Protein backbone atom coordinates (compact mmCIF):
# COMPACT_ATOMS: atom_id res chain seq x y z
CA MET A 1 -26.40 9.24 -2.31
CA LYS A 2 -25.63 6.35 -4.66
CA ASP A 3 -22.09 7.66 -5.33
CA LEU A 4 -21.29 7.73 -1.60
CA ARG A 5 -22.41 4.13 -1.14
CA GLU A 6 -20.42 3.00 -4.17
CA LYS A 7 -17.29 4.64 -2.79
CA GLU A 8 -17.81 2.99 0.61
CA THR A 9 -17.99 -0.46 -0.95
CA ASN A 10 -15.45 0.08 -3.73
CA PRO A 11 -13.05 -2.90 -3.52
CA ILE A 12 -10.29 -0.91 -5.25
CA LYS A 13 -10.39 2.04 -2.87
CA PRO A 14 -12.16 1.15 0.39
CA LYS A 15 -12.75 3.69 3.16
CA HIS A 16 -9.47 2.97 4.98
CA TYR A 17 -7.46 4.41 2.05
CA LYS A 18 -7.62 8.11 2.79
CA SER A 19 -4.56 9.20 0.86
CA LYS A 20 -5.13 12.12 -1.48
CA ILE A 21 -3.07 10.28 -4.08
CA ASP A 22 -4.25 6.85 -5.22
CA VAL A 23 -1.62 4.28 -4.22
CA TYR A 24 -2.12 2.26 -7.41
CA ASP A 25 -1.73 5.33 -9.61
CA PHE A 26 1.37 6.39 -7.68
CA CYS A 27 2.97 2.96 -8.07
CA LEU A 28 2.19 2.77 -11.77
CA ALA A 29 3.45 6.31 -12.42
CA ASN A 30 6.71 5.52 -10.62
CA ASP A 31 7.22 2.03 -12.07
CA LEU A 32 7.14 0.41 -8.62
CA GLY A 33 6.87 -3.32 -8.22
CA LEU A 34 4.85 -5.46 -5.82
CA LEU A 35 7.13 -5.12 -2.82
CA GLU A 36 7.54 -1.36 -3.12
CA GLY A 37 3.81 -0.91 -3.70
CA ASN A 38 2.88 -3.04 -0.72
CA CYS A 39 5.19 -1.04 1.55
CA ILE A 40 3.46 2.15 0.45
CA LYS A 41 0.01 0.56 0.76
CA TYR A 42 0.56 -0.62 4.33
CA ILE A 43 2.08 2.66 5.48
CA THR A 44 -0.67 4.81 4.00
CA ARG A 45 -3.50 2.80 5.55
CA TYR A 46 -2.16 1.77 8.97
CA LYS A 47 -3.85 4.59 10.92
CA ASP A 48 -7.30 3.75 9.59
CA LYS A 49 -7.18 -0.02 9.17
CA ASN A 50 -4.92 -2.38 11.12
CA GLY A 51 -2.56 -0.11 13.07
CA LEU A 52 0.54 -1.92 14.25
CA GLU A 53 -0.30 -4.98 12.14
CA ASP A 54 0.02 -2.95 8.94
CA LEU A 55 3.28 -1.36 10.14
CA LEU A 56 4.68 -4.82 10.80
CA LYS A 57 3.54 -5.95 7.35
CA ALA A 58 5.33 -2.94 5.86
CA GLN A 59 8.43 -3.82 7.86
CA GLU A 60 8.38 -7.46 6.71
CA THR A 61 7.82 -6.41 3.12
CA LEU A 62 10.71 -3.94 3.31
CA LYS A 63 12.96 -6.68 4.74
CA ARG A 64 12.09 -8.87 1.75
CA LEU A 65 12.78 -6.00 -0.64
CA ILE A 66 16.17 -5.37 0.98
CA LYS A 67 17.03 -9.07 0.75
CA HIS A 68 16.03 -9.13 -2.91
CA TYR A 69 18.05 -5.98 -3.62
CA LYS A 70 21.14 -7.42 -1.91
CA ASN A 71 20.84 -10.65 -3.93
CA GLU A 72 20.44 -8.74 -7.19
CA SER A 73 23.38 -6.49 -6.38
CA ASN A 74 25.83 -9.38 -5.96
């Protein structure tokens, strides 16, 4: 029973992250930065945590990533 309680209170992977693939591991394996990682994080948790709020956070983060990409491309 101790393992179950530890998983429920794990600050790195709380209950609302239900993805079969760990988001942190995925981002590290694919050399993704903060903005890309946050987009993935918000999208993978929105159904079980903050719903529309997380989708809007993903949208805002993606807008910032696009802006950064455009600035770097010029």
